Amino acid sequence: MIDTGSAQEDPRWTEVRSPNFFVRMWYKKPPRNSASKLVMGRASAIIDTNVDDAMAWYFAFCGRGRSAISQNERHPVRIIVREYTPHDHLFATVKKMPFPFNLREIVFRMICASNEEGQRLIAFEGCDDPVDYGKSFNSVRAMTNGLLRLEPLPVHDGIPQCKVTLIQLTDIGWHIPVREEARASCSDTMARARCTDALLLTYSPLLLFFFFFFLLLLLLL
């Protein structure tokens, strides 16, 4: 079933075309006077399952099914770092990025709960906790914060349903401007990786120009 709800009650949310017919998506830009330049995203859909099963699947970040998807996408790491309680875990993942950018490391704490209205809530927040993977990655630490809300709906043709709404804010480390002299201040591996990515974004048009220029010379010779 298609979600007919919207975020139009808040004019700051702008709907965008979703790659999935059953999922609606919006984004919200920060205020002009805000120090943050990150854009917040929102997605909503109606799924054919009850709220408890949906919450269990999402919270099982390192479950067999989600780990298999991560491996098929060739992401190198997806682990549980610490279990504070059965409903409060610290996760870490290292994700592959498009060439030529460095890997992204995300460490976050996820907590699930319920309220008096029968909704299920999953909150997650990025953490600065160091993680020992047994090997070093030339990665950039990304940060993500968000909230997943699961609302129970009436049974439809004998099938339980719920509405899923995800609101998420993610910093993948691309929005920070870096100049050439910033290389001198990049003392550790993660900082060097962040500087390298920022420089690639800044000078990629120039690099592409020289690449095609030398390729043309080779063809002419």
N, C-alpha and C. Protein backbone atom coordinates (compact mmCIF):
# COMPACT_ATOMS: atom_id res chain seq x y z
N MET A 1 0.84 -1.20 0.00
CA MET A 1 0.00 0.00 0.00
C MET A 1 0.88 1.25 0.00
N ILE A 2 0.45 2.27 -0.71
CA ILE A 2 1.20 3.50 -0.81
C ILE A 2 0.85 4.41 0.37
N ASP A 3 1.86 5.03 0.94
CA ASP A 3 1.65 5.98 2.03
C ASP A 3 1.11 7.28 1.46
N THR A 4 -0.12 7.64 1.86
CA THR A 4 -0.73 8.87 1.36
C THR A 4 -0.50 10.05 2.28
N GLY A 5 0.20 9.83 3.41
CA GLY A 5 0.53 10.93 4.30
C GLY A 5 1.64 11.77 3.70
N SER A 6 1.90 12.92 4.31
CA SER A 6 2.92 13.80 3.77
C SER A 6 3.49 14.65 4.89
N ALA A 7 4.54 15.38 4.56
CA ALA A 7 5.12 16.34 5.50
C ALA A 7 4.75 17.76 5.09
N GLN A 8 3.68 17.90 4.32
CA GLN A 8 3.32 19.22 3.82
C GLN A 8 2.78 20.14 4.91
N GLU A 9 2.44 19.56 6.09
CA GLU A 9 2.03 20.44 7.18
C GLU A 9 3.19 21.31 7.64
N ASP A 10 4.41 20.91 7.33
CA ASP A 10 5.60 21.71 7.63
C ASP A 10 6.19 22.16 6.30
N PRO A 11 6.05 23.44 5.94
CA PRO A 11 6.51 23.90 4.61
C PRO A 11 8.02 23.81 4.43
N ARG A 12 8.76 23.55 5.50
CA ARG A 12 10.21 23.45 5.36
C ARG A 12 10.62 22.14 4.70
N TRP A 13 9.72 21.16 4.66
CA TRP A 13 10.01 19.89 4.01
C TRP A 13 9.64 19.97 2.53
N THR A 14 10.56 19.54 1.67
CA THR A 14 10.34 19.54 0.22
C THR A 14 10.36 18.10 -0.28
N GLU A 15 9.30 17.69 -0.93
CA GLU A 15 9.22 16.30 -1.42
C GLU A 15 10.08 16.13 -2.67
N VAL A 16 10.75 15.00 -2.76
CA VAL A 16 11.60 14.68 -3.90
C VAL A 16 11.12 13.38 -4.52
N ARG A 17 11.53 13.14 -5.74
CA ARG A 17 11.16 11.91 -6.43
C ARG A 17 11.88 10.73 -5.80
N SER A 18 11.13 9.72 -5.42
CA SER A 18 11.70 8.55 -4.77
C SER A 18 12.03 7.47 -5.80
N PRO A 19 13.13 6.73 -5.61
CA PRO A 19 13.44 5.63 -6.51
C PRO A 19 12.53 4.43 -6.32
N ASN A 20 11.76 4.43 -5.23
CA ASN A 20 10.83 3.34 -4.94
C ASN A 20 9.40 3.86 -4.96
N PHE A 21 8.53 3.19 -5.71
CA PHE A 21 7.15 3.65 -5.88
C PHE A 21 6.39 3.67 -4.55
N PHE A 22 6.76 2.80 -3.63
CA PHE A 22 6.03 2.66 -2.37
C PHE A 22 6.60 3.53 -1.25
N VAL A 23 7.64 4.28 -1.52
CA VAL A 23 8.28 5.10 -0.50
C VAL A 23 8.22 6.57 -0.91
N ARG A 24 7.79 7.43 0.01
CA ARG A 24 7.81 8.86 -0.23
C ARG A 24 9.00 9.46 0.49
N MET A 25 9.60 10.49 -0.09
CA MET A 25 10.83 11.06 0.45
C MET A 25 10.75 12.59 0.43
N TRP A 26 11.35 13.19 1.47
CA TRP A 26 11.44 14.64 1.58
C TRP A 26 12.84 15.03 2.06
N TYR A 27 13.16 16.31 1.93
CA TYR A 27 14.38 16.83 2.52
C TYR A 27 14.09 18.21 3.11
N LYS A 28 14.92 18.61 4.07
CA LYS A 28 14.77 19.91 4.71
C LYS A 28 16.13 20.55 4.87
N LYS A 29 16.28 21.74 4.32
CA LYS A 29 17.54 22.47 4.42
C LYS A 29 17.62 23.18 5.77
N PRO A 30 18.83 23.38 6.28
CA PRO A 30 18.96 24.12 7.54
C PRO A 30 18.64 25.60 7.33
N PRO A 31 18.29 26.33 8.39
CA PRO A 31 18.04 27.78 8.26
C PRO A 31 19.27 28.50 7.72
N ARG A 32 19.06 29.61 7.07
CA ARG A 32 20.16 30.35 6.46
C ARG A 32 21.19 30.81 7.47
N ASN A 33 20.75 31.13 8.68
CA ASN A 33 21.68 31.60 9.70
C ASN A 33 22.28 30.47 10.52
N SER A 34 22.02 29.23 10.12
CA SER A 34 22.53 28.09 10.87
C SER A 34 23.99 27.82 10.51
N ALA A 35 24.78 27.40 11.51
CA ALA A 35 26.18 27.06 11.25
C ALA A 35 26.29 25.75 10.49
N SER A 36 25.31 24.88 10.64
CA SER A 36 25.33 23.59 9.94
C SER A 36 24.81 23.76 8.52
N LYS A 37 25.44 23.06 7.59
CA LYS A 37 25.01 23.08 6.19
C LYS A 37 24.46 21.72 5.76
N LEU A 38 24.20 20.84 6.71
CA LEU A 38 23.72 19.50 6.40
C LEU A 38 22.23 19.52 6.13
N VAL A 39 21.80 18.67 5.21
CA VAL A 39 20.40 18.55 4.83
C VAL A 39 19.80 17.33 5.54
N MET A 40 18.62 17.50 6.10
CA MET A 40 17.94 16.41 6.78
C MET A 40 17.00 15.70 5.81
N GLY A 41 16.97 14.37 5.87
CA GLY A 41 16.12 13.59 4.99
C GLY A 41 15.01 12.90 5.75
N ARG A 42 13.91 12.64 5.07
CA ARG A 42 12.76 11.96 5.66
C ARG A 42 12.16 11.01 4.63
N ALA A 43 11.82 9.81 5.07
CA ALA A 43 11.20 8.82 4.19
C ALA A 43 10.05 8.16 4.94
N SER A 44 9.00 7.79 4.20
CA SER A 44 7.83 7.19 4.82
C SER A 44 7.23 6.14 3.89
N ALA A 45 6.75 5.04 4.49
CA ALA A 45 6.14 3.97 3.71
C ALA A 45 5.24 3.15 4.60
N ILE A 46 4.36 2.38 4.00
CA ILE A 46 3.51 1.43 4.71
C ILE A 46 3.94 0.02 4.32
N ILE A 47 4.24 -0.81 5.30
CA ILE A 47 4.75 -2.16 5.03
C ILE A 47 3.81 -3.20 5.63
N ASP A 48 3.84 -4.39 5.05
CA ASP A 48 2.95 -5.48 5.46
C ASP A 48 3.59 -6.33 6.54
N THR A 49 3.65 -5.80 7.74
CA THR A 49 4.11 -6.53 8.91
C THR A 49 3.72 -5.75 10.15
N ASN A 50 3.85 -6.38 11.30
CA ASN A 50 3.49 -5.67 12.53
C ASN A 50 4.70 -4.88 13.04
N VAL A 51 4.46 -3.99 13.99
CA VAL A 51 5.50 -3.07 14.44
C VAL A 51 6.64 -3.82 15.16
N ASP A 52 6.33 -4.90 15.87
CA ASP A 52 7.37 -5.63 16.60
C ASP A 52 8.34 -6.32 15.65
N ASP A 53 7.83 -6.96 14.60
CA ASP A 53 8.72 -7.62 13.63
C ASP A 53 9.55 -6.60 12.88
N ALA A 54 8.94 -5.46 12.53
CA ALA A 54 9.68 -4.42 11.81
C ALA A 54 10.79 -3.85 12.69
N MET A 55 10.50 -3.63 13.98
CA MET A 55 11.51 -3.10 14.88
C MET A 55 12.64 -4.11 15.08
N ALA A 56 12.30 -5.38 15.22
CA ALA A 56 13.32 -6.41 15.41
C ALA A 56 14.25 -6.50 14.20
N TRP A 57 13.68 -6.38 12.99
CA TRP A 57 14.51 -6.47 11.79
C TRP A 57 15.46 -5.27 11.70
N TYR A 58 14.95 -4.08 11.97
CA TYR A 58 15.79 -2.89 11.85
C TYR A 58 16.87 -2.87 12.93
N PHE A 59 16.51 -3.29 14.14
CA PHE A 59 17.48 -3.26 15.24
C PHE A 59 18.56 -4.31 15.06
N ALA A 60 18.25 -5.38 14.35
CA ALA A 60 19.25 -6.44 14.10
C ALA A 60 20.20 -5.97 13.00
N PHE A 61 20.98 -4.93 13.29
CA PHE A 61 21.87 -4.32 12.30
C PHE A 61 22.89 -5.32 11.77
N CYS A 62 23.30 -6.24 12.64
CA CYS A 62 24.28 -7.27 12.24
C CYS A 62 23.63 -8.64 12.08
N GLY A 63 22.32 -8.64 11.84
CA GLY A 63 21.63 -9.90 11.60
C GLY A 63 22.08 -10.56 10.30
N ARG A 64 21.70 -11.82 10.13
CA ARG A 64 22.17 -12.58 8.97
C ARG A 64 21.73 -11.95 7.65
N GLY A 65 20.47 -11.52 7.58
CA GLY A 65 19.97 -10.96 6.32
C GLY A 65 20.63 -9.64 5.96
N ARG A 66 20.73 -8.72 6.93
CA ARG A 66 21.31 -7.41 6.64
C ARG A 66 22.82 -7.52 6.44
N SER A 67 23.47 -8.44 7.13
CA SER A 67 24.91 -8.64 6.92
C SER A 67 25.18 -9.19 5.53
N ALA A 68 24.29 -10.07 5.05
CA ALA A 68 24.46 -10.62 3.69
C ALA A 68 24.34 -9.52 2.65
N ILE A 69 23.40 -8.59 2.85
CA ILE A 69 23.26 -7.47 1.92
C ILE A 69 24.52 -6.61 1.93
N SER A 70 25.05 -6.37 3.13
CA SER A 70 26.27 -5.56 3.26
C SER A 70 27.45 -6.23 2.57
N GLN A 71 27.57 -7.55 2.71
CA GLN A 71 28.67 -8.27 2.07
C GLN A 71 28.52 -8.25 0.55
N ASN A 72 27.29 -8.38 0.06
CA ASN A 72 27.08 -8.34 -1.39
C ASN A 72 27.45 -6.98 -1.98
N GLU A 73 27.28 -5.92 -1.16
CA GLU A 73 27.66 -4.58 -1.60
C GLU A 73 29.14 -4.29 -1.33
N ARG A 74 29.85 -5.29 -0.79
CA ARG A 74 31.30 -5.25 -0.59
C ARG A 74 31.73 -4.19 0.42
N HIS A 75 30.92 -3.98 1.46
CA HIS A 75 31.34 -3.14 2.57
C HIS A 75 32.19 -3.99 3.51
N PRO A 76 33.38 -3.53 3.92
CA PRO A 76 34.32 -4.40 4.62
C PRO A 76 33.97 -4.75 6.06
N VAL A 77 33.23 -3.90 6.80
CA VAL A 77 33.00 -4.14 8.23
C VAL A 77 31.55 -3.83 8.59
N ARG A 78 31.01 -4.68 9.46
CA ARG A 78 29.67 -4.47 10.04
C ARG A 78 29.61 -5.29 11.32
N ILE A 79 29.80 -4.65 12.49
CA ILE A 79 29.95 -5.39 13.73
C ILE A 79 29.18 -4.72 14.88
N ILE A 80 28.91 -5.53 15.92
CA ILE A 80 28.40 -5.01 17.19
C ILE A 80 29.61 -4.76 18.08
N VAL A 81 29.82 -3.53 18.49
CA VAL A 81 30.96 -3.17 19.33
C VAL A 81 30.67 -3.48 20.80
N ARG A 82 29.46 -3.13 21.24
CA ARG A 82 29.13 -3.30 22.65
C ARG A 82 27.63 -3.46 22.82
N GLU A 83 27.21 -4.33 23.73
CA GLU A 83 25.80 -4.50 24.07
C GLU A 83 25.58 -4.00 25.50
N TYR A 84 24.99 -2.80 25.63
CA TYR A 84 24.72 -2.26 26.95
C TYR A 84 23.53 -2.99 27.59
N THR A 85 22.46 -3.15 26.83
CA THR A 85 21.27 -3.91 27.24
C THR A 85 20.75 -4.61 25.98
N PRO A 86 19.76 -5.50 26.09
CA PRO A 86 19.21 -6.12 24.88
C PRO A 86 18.62 -5.13 23.88
N HIS A 87 18.31 -3.90 24.35
CA HIS A 87 17.71 -2.90 23.46
C HIS A 87 18.58 -1.66 23.30
N ASP A 88 19.86 -1.80 23.60
CA ASP A 88 20.79 -0.66 23.53
C ASP A 88 22.15 -1.18 23.11
N HIS A 89 22.50 -0.97 21.84
CA HIS A 89 23.74 -1.51 21.29
C HIS A 89 24.58 -0.41 20.65
N LEU A 90 25.89 -0.65 20.62
CA LEU A 90 26.84 0.21 19.90
C LEU A 90 27.32 -0.56 18.68
N PHE A 91 27.10 0.01 17.48
CA PHE A 91 27.45 -0.63 16.23
C PHE A 91 28.57 0.14 15.53
N ALA A 92 29.25 -0.55 14.65
CA ALA A 92 30.27 0.09 13.81
C ALA A 92 30.22 -0.54 12.42
N THR A 93 30.40 0.30 11.43
CA THR A 93 30.44 -0.19 10.06
C THR A 93 31.43 0.65 9.25
N VAL A 94 32.07 0.02 8.30
CA VAL A 94 32.95 0.70 7.36
C VAL A 94 32.38 0.46 5.97
N LYS A 95 32.04 1.53 5.28
CA LYS A 95 31.34 1.42 4.01
C LYS A 95 32.24 1.82 2.84
N LYS A 96 32.08 1.10 1.77
CA LYS A 96 32.79 1.38 0.54
C LYS A 96 32.18 2.60 -0.14
N MET A 97 33.05 3.45 -0.69
CA MET A 97 32.59 4.65 -1.38
C MET A 97 33.00 4.58 -2.85
N PRO A 98 32.36 5.38 -3.70
CA PRO A 98 32.74 5.38 -5.12
C PRO A 98 34.19 5.86 -5.28
N PHE A 99 34.88 5.29 -6.25
CA PHE A 99 36.25 5.71 -6.58
C PHE A 99 36.22 7.19 -6.98
N PRO A 100 37.19 8.00 -6.52
CA PRO A 100 38.42 7.65 -5.80
C PRO A 100 38.36 7.98 -4.30
N PHE A 101 37.18 8.03 -3.69
CA PHE A 101 37.05 8.47 -2.32
C PHE A 101 37.37 7.36 -1.33
N ASN A 102 37.77 7.78 -0.14
CA ASN A 102 38.14 6.84 0.91
C ASN A 102 36.91 6.18 1.54
N LEU A 103 37.17 5.09 2.26
CA LEU A 103 36.12 4.41 3.00
C LEU A 103 35.53 5.34 4.06
N ARG A 104 34.28 5.09 4.44
CA ARG A 104 33.63 5.85 5.51
C ARG A 104 33.38 4.93 6.70
N GLU A 105 33.83 5.36 7.87
CA GLU A 105 33.59 4.63 9.10
C GLU A 105 32.47 5.31 9.89
N ILE A 106 31.48 4.53 10.31
CA ILE A 106 30.37 5.07 11.08
C ILE A 106 30.23 4.25 12.36
N VAL A 107 30.31 4.91 13.49
CA VAL A 107 30.10 4.29 14.79
C VAL A 107 28.89 4.98 15.41
N PHE A 108 27.89 4.20 15.81
CA PHE A 108 26.67 4.81 16.32
C PHE A 108 26.02 3.91 17.37
N ARG A 109 25.29 4.55 18.26
CA ARG A 109 24.56 3.86 19.31
C ARG A 109 23.08 3.85 18.96
N MET A 110 22.45 2.67 19.07
CA MET A 110 21.05 2.51 18.69
C MET A 110 20.25 1.99 19.89
N ILE A 111 19.13 2.67 20.16
CA ILE A 111 18.26 2.32 21.27
C ILE A 111 16.83 2.18 20.75
N CYS A 112 16.14 1.12 21.16
CA CYS A 112 14.74 0.95 20.76
C CYS A 112 13.84 1.00 21.99
N ALA A 113 12.62 1.52 21.79
CA ALA A 113 11.67 1.70 22.89
C ALA A 113 10.26 1.71 22.30
N SER A 114 9.26 1.86 23.18
CA SER A 114 7.86 1.96 22.77
C SER A 114 7.19 3.04 23.61
N ASN A 115 6.03 3.51 23.13
CA ASN A 115 5.30 4.53 23.87
C ASN A 115 3.88 4.04 24.16
N GLU A 116 3.09 4.87 24.83
CA GLU A 116 1.75 4.49 25.24
C GLU A 116 0.79 4.34 24.08
N GLU A 117 1.13 4.90 22.91
CA GLU A 117 0.27 4.81 21.74
C GLU A 117 0.50 3.54 20.93
N GLY A 118 1.39 2.68 21.42
CA GLY A 118 1.67 1.44 20.72
C GLY A 118 2.70 1.57 19.62
N GLN A 119 3.31 2.73 19.51
CA GLN A 119 4.34 2.92 18.50
C GLN A 119 5.66 2.34 18.99
N ARG A 120 6.52 1.98 18.04
CA ARG A 120 7.86 1.53 18.34
C ARG A 120 8.84 2.57 17.80
N LEU A 121 9.82 2.91 18.61
CA LEU A 121 10.78 3.96 18.26
C LEU A 121 12.19 3.40 18.32
N ILE A 122 12.99 3.74 17.32
CA ILE A 122 14.41 3.39 17.31
C ILE A 122 15.20 4.67 17.06
N ALA A 123 15.99 5.07 18.04
CA ALA A 123 16.83 6.27 17.92
C ALA A 123 18.28 5.85 17.78
N PHE A 124 19.02 6.55 16.93
CA PHE A 124 20.45 6.26 16.77
C PHE A 124 21.22 7.56 16.67
N GLU A 125 22.42 7.54 17.24
CA GLU A 125 23.26 8.73 17.31
C GLU A 125 24.71 8.35 17.07
N GLY A 126 25.41 9.16 16.29
CA GLY A 126 26.82 8.91 16.03
C GLY A 126 27.66 9.09 17.27
N CYS A 127 28.73 8.29 17.40
CA CYS A 127 29.61 8.32 18.56
C CYS A 127 31.06 8.49 18.12
N ASP A 128 31.89 8.97 19.04
CA ASP A 128 33.32 9.14 18.78
C ASP A 128 34.14 7.98 19.34
N ASP A 129 33.50 6.93 19.81
CA ASP A 129 34.22 5.81 20.43
C ASP A 129 35.20 5.19 19.45
N PRO A 130 36.45 4.96 19.88
CA PRO A 130 37.40 4.26 19.02
C PRO A 130 37.05 2.78 18.93
N VAL A 131 37.28 2.19 17.77
CA VAL A 131 36.95 0.79 17.54
C VAL A 131 38.17 0.07 16.98
N ASP A 132 38.48 -1.08 17.57
CA ASP A 132 39.60 -1.89 17.11
C ASP A 132 39.07 -2.95 16.15
N TYR A 133 39.39 -2.79 14.86
CA TYR A 133 38.93 -3.74 13.84
C TYR A 133 39.93 -4.86 13.57
N GLY A 134 41.08 -4.81 14.24
CA GLY A 134 42.10 -5.80 13.97
C GLY A 134 42.99 -5.43 12.80
N LYS A 135 42.65 -4.36 12.12
CA LYS A 135 43.46 -3.84 11.02
C LYS A 135 43.10 -2.38 10.84
N SER A 136 43.94 -1.65 10.16
CA SER A 136 43.69 -0.21 9.95
C SER A 136 43.06 0.01 8.58
N PHE A 137 42.15 0.97 8.54
CA PHE A 137 41.51 1.38 7.29
C PHE A 137 41.84 2.84 7.03
N ASN A 138 42.08 3.16 5.79
CA ASN A 138 42.28 4.55 5.39
C ASN A 138 40.90 5.18 5.21
N SER A 139 40.23 5.41 6.34
CA SER A 139 38.82 5.80 6.30
C SER A 139 38.61 7.18 6.90
N VAL A 140 37.44 7.73 6.61
CA VAL A 140 37.00 9.00 7.16
C VAL A 140 35.83 8.71 8.09
N ARG A 141 35.85 9.27 9.31
CA ARG A 141 34.76 9.05 10.26
C ARG A 141 33.55 9.88 9.85
N ALA A 142 32.47 9.21 9.53
CA ALA A 142 31.21 9.87 9.23
C ALA A 142 30.32 9.83 10.46
N MET A 143 29.30 10.68 10.49
CA MET A 143 28.39 10.75 11.62
C MET A 143 26.95 10.68 11.12
N THR A 144 26.10 10.01 11.90
CA THR A 144 24.69 9.92 11.53
C THR A 144 23.83 9.94 12.77
N ASN A 145 22.73 10.67 12.71
CA ASN A 145 21.73 10.73 13.77
C ASN A 145 20.36 10.56 13.14
N GLY A 146 19.47 9.90 13.86
CA GLY A 146 18.15 9.73 13.27
C GLY A 146 17.15 9.09 14.21
N LEU A 147 15.93 9.00 13.73
CA LEU A 147 14.83 8.40 14.48
C LEU A 147 13.93 7.64 13.52
N LEU A 148 13.64 6.37 13.87
CA LEU A 148 12.71 5.55 13.11
C LEU A 148 11.45 5.36 13.95
N ARG A 149 10.30 5.72 13.38
CA ARG A 149 9.03 5.57 14.08
C ARG A 149 8.16 4.56 13.35
N LEU A 150 7.62 3.58 14.10
CA LEU A 150 6.76 2.54 13.56
C LEU A 150 5.38 2.68 14.19
N GLU A 151 4.37 2.96 13.37
CA GLU A 151 3.01 3.18 13.86
C GLU A 151 2.11 2.02 13.41
N PRO A 152 1.43 1.35 14.34
CA PRO A 152 0.54 0.26 13.95
C PRO A 152 -0.68 0.76 13.20
N LEU A 153 -1.10 -0.01 12.20
CA LEU A 153 -2.27 0.31 11.40
C LEU A 153 -3.28 -0.83 11.49
N PRO A 154 -4.55 -0.56 11.15
CA PRO A 154 -5.54 -1.64 11.15
C PRO A 154 -5.15 -2.76 10.18
N VAL A 155 -5.55 -3.98 10.52
CA VAL A 155 -5.26 -5.13 9.66
C VAL A 155 -5.99 -4.96 8.33
N HIS A 156 -5.27 -5.20 7.22
CA HIS A 156 -5.81 -5.02 5.87
C HIS A 156 -5.87 -6.38 5.17
N ASP A 157 -7.10 -6.88 4.91
CA ASP A 157 -7.29 -8.19 4.26
C ASP A 157 -6.55 -9.29 5.01
N GLY A 158 -6.61 -9.22 6.33
CA GLY A 158 -5.97 -10.24 7.14
C GLY A 158 -4.47 -10.10 7.29
N ILE A 159 -3.91 -9.01 6.76
CA ILE A 159 -2.45 -8.79 6.81
C ILE A 159 -2.15 -7.62 7.74
N PRO A 160 -1.31 -7.84 8.75
CA PRO A 160 -0.95 -6.71 9.64
C PRO A 160 -0.09 -5.70 8.89
N GLN A 161 -0.29 -4.42 9.21
CA GLN A 161 0.45 -3.36 8.55
C GLN A 161 0.92 -2.33 9.57
N CYS A 162 1.95 -1.60 9.18
CA CYS A 162 2.41 -0.48 10.00
C CYS A 162 3.02 0.58 9.09
N LYS A 163 3.02 1.80 9.60
CA LYS A 163 3.62 2.92 8.87
C LYS A 163 5.02 3.18 9.42
N VAL A 164 5.99 3.26 8.51
CA VAL A 164 7.38 3.47 8.88
C VAL A 164 7.79 4.87 8.45
N THR A 165 8.35 5.64 9.38
CA THR A 165 8.86 6.97 9.08
C THR A 165 10.28 7.07 9.60
N LEU A 166 11.20 7.41 8.73
CA LEU A 166 12.61 7.56 9.09
C LEU A 166 13.03 9.00 8.85
N ILE A 167 13.59 9.62 9.89
CA ILE A 167 14.18 10.96 9.78
C ILE A 167 15.66 10.83 10.12
N GLN A 168 16.52 11.29 9.22
CA GLN A 168 17.95 11.05 9.40
C GLN A 168 18.78 12.24 8.93
N LEU A 169 19.86 12.46 9.68
CA LEU A 169 20.84 13.50 9.35
C LEU A 169 22.21 12.85 9.32
N THR A 170 22.91 12.95 8.21
CA THR A 170 24.19 12.26 8.04
C THR A 170 25.25 13.22 7.52
N ASP A 171 26.42 13.17 8.13
CA ASP A 171 27.59 13.92 7.68
C ASP A 171 28.61 12.90 7.18
N ILE A 172 28.79 12.83 5.86
CA ILE A 172 29.72 11.85 5.31
C ILE A 172 31.11 12.44 5.07
N GLY A 173 31.32 13.69 5.52
CA GLY A 173 32.67 14.25 5.46
C GLY A 173 33.03 14.94 4.17
N TRP A 174 32.04 15.32 3.36
CA TRP A 174 32.34 15.98 2.07
C TRP A 174 32.09 17.47 2.10
N HIS A 175 31.40 17.98 3.11
CA HIS A 175 30.96 19.37 3.06
C HIS A 175 31.99 20.33 3.64
N ILE A 176 33.12 19.82 4.19
CA ILE A 176 34.10 20.70 4.81
C ILE A 176 35.09 21.20 3.76
N PRO A 177 35.18 22.51 3.52
CA PRO A 177 36.14 23.02 2.54
C PRO A 177 37.57 22.88 3.05
N VAL A 178 38.46 22.42 2.19
CA VAL A 178 39.85 22.22 2.57
C VAL A 178 40.74 22.81 1.48
N ARG A 179 41.75 23.59 1.89
CA ARG A 179 42.70 24.16 0.95
C ARG A 179 43.95 23.29 0.86
N GLU A 180 44.79 23.59 -0.10
CA GLU A 180 45.99 22.80 -0.32
C GLU A 180 46.88 22.80 0.92
N GLU A 181 46.99 23.96 1.61
CA GLU A 181 47.87 24.01 2.77
C GLU A 181 47.34 23.21 3.94
N ALA A 182 46.09 22.73 3.87
CA ALA A 182 45.54 21.93 4.97
C ALA A 182 46.25 20.59 5.09
N ARG A 183 46.94 20.16 4.05
CA ARG A 183 47.68 18.90 4.13
C ARG A 183 48.68 18.91 5.27
N ALA A 184 49.27 20.07 5.54
CA ALA A 184 50.29 20.14 6.58
C ALA A 184 49.71 19.86 7.97
N SER A 185 48.41 20.13 8.17
CA SER A 185 47.79 19.92 9.47
C SER A 185 47.16 18.55 9.61
N CYS A 186 47.22 17.72 8.56
CA CYS A 186 46.61 16.39 8.60
C CYS A 186 47.61 15.42 9.20
N SER A 187 47.57 15.25 10.50
CA SER A 187 48.61 14.48 11.18
C SER A 187 48.30 13.00 11.28
N ASP A 188 47.01 12.62 11.40
CA ASP A 188 46.69 11.21 11.54
C ASP A 188 46.06 10.67 10.27
N THR A 189 45.85 9.36 10.23
CA THR A 189 45.37 8.70 9.02
C THR A 189 43.99 9.19 8.62
N MET A 190 43.07 9.30 9.59
CA MET A 190 41.71 9.71 9.28
C MET A 190 41.67 11.14 8.77
N ALA A 191 42.45 12.03 9.37
CA ALA A 191 42.47 13.42 8.92
C ALA A 191 43.05 13.51 7.51
N ARG A 192 44.09 12.73 7.22
CA ARG A 192 44.66 12.75 5.87
C ARG A 192 43.65 12.26 4.85
N ALA A 193 42.87 11.24 5.23
CA ALA A 193 41.85 10.73 4.31
C ALA A 193 40.79 11.78 4.03
N ARG A 194 40.36 12.50 5.08
CA ARG A 194 39.37 13.56 4.90
C ARG A 194 39.91 14.66 4.01
N CYS A 195 41.17 15.06 4.21
CA CYS A 195 41.77 16.10 3.39
C CYS A 195 41.88 15.65 1.94
N THR A 196 42.26 14.40 1.74
CA THR A 196 42.40 13.88 0.38
C THR A 196 41.09 13.93 -0.37
N ASP A 197 40.00 13.51 0.29
CA ASP A 197 38.69 13.54 -0.35
C ASP A 197 38.26 14.96 -0.67
N ALA A 198 38.47 15.88 0.26
CA ALA A 198 38.07 17.26 0.03
C ALA A 198 38.87 17.87 -1.13
N LEU A 199 40.15 17.55 -1.19
CA LEU A 199 40.97 18.07 -2.29
C LEU A 199 40.54 17.47 -3.63
N LEU A 200 40.16 16.20 -3.62
CA LEU A 200 39.68 15.58 -4.84
C LEU A 200 38.42 16.28 -5.33
N LEU A 201 37.52 16.62 -4.41
CA LEU A 201 36.30 17.33 -4.80
C LEU A 201 36.62 18.72 -5.32
N THR A 202 37.62 19.38 -4.72
CA THR A 202 37.96 20.75 -5.11
C THR A 202 38.63 20.80 -6.47
N TYR A 203 39.56 19.85 -6.70
CA TYR A 203 40.38 19.93 -7.91
C TYR A 203 40.03 18.86 -8.94
N SER A 204 38.93 18.14 -8.77
CA SER A 204 38.59 17.09 -9.72
C SER A 204 38.39 17.62 -11.14
N PRO A 205 37.75 18.80 -11.36
CA PRO A 205 37.65 19.29 -12.75
C PRO A 205 39.02 19.51 -13.39
N LEU A 206 39.99 20.04 -12.63
CA LEU A 206 41.32 20.26 -13.16
C LEU A 206 42.02 18.93 -13.46
N LEU A 207 41.86 17.97 -12.57
CA LEU A 207 42.47 16.65 -12.78
C LEU A 207 41.89 15.98 -14.02
N LEU A 208 40.58 16.10 -14.21
CA LEU A 208 39.95 15.52 -15.40
C LEU A 208 40.45 16.20 -16.67
N PHE A 209 40.67 17.52 -16.61
CA PHE A 209 41.18 18.23 -17.78
C PHE A 209 42.54 17.70 -18.18
N PHE A 210 43.47 17.57 -17.22
CA PHE A 210 44.80 17.07 -17.54
C PHE A 210 44.77 15.62 -17.99
N PHE A 211 43.87 14.83 -17.42
CA PHE A 211 43.77 13.43 -17.83
C PHE A 211 43.39 13.32 -19.30
N PHE A 212 42.33 14.05 -19.70
CA PHE A 212 41.91 13.99 -21.10
C PHE A 212 42.91 14.67 -22.03
N PHE A 213 43.64 15.67 -21.51
CA PHE A 213 44.66 16.33 -22.33
C PHE A 213 45.78 15.36 -22.67
N PHE A 214 46.29 14.64 -21.67
CA PHE A 214 47.36 13.67 -21.92
C PHE A 214 46.85 12.48 -22.73
N LEU A 215 45.59 12.10 -22.53
CA LEU A 215 45.03 11.02 -23.34
C LEU A 215 44.96 11.43 -24.80
N LEU A 216 44.60 12.68 -25.06
CA LEU A 216 44.57 13.18 -26.44
C LEU A 216 45.95 13.19 -27.05
N LEU A 217 46.97 13.59 -26.27
CA LEU A 217 48.35 13.58 -26.77
C LEU A 217 48.78 12.19 -27.13
N LEU A 218 48.43 11.22 -26.32
CA LEU A 218 48.81 9.83 -26.62
C LEU A 218 48.15 9.36 -27.90
N LEU A 219 46.92 9.72 -28.11
CA LEU A 219 46.22 9.31 -29.33
C LEU A 219 46.83 9.97 -30.56
N LEU A 220 47.23 11.23 -30.43
CA LEU A 220 47.81 11.94 -31.57
C LEU A 220 49.20 11.41 -31.91
N LEU A 221 49.93 10.99 -30.88
CA LEU A 221 51.28 10.44 -31.11
C LEU A 221 51.19 9.03 -31.68
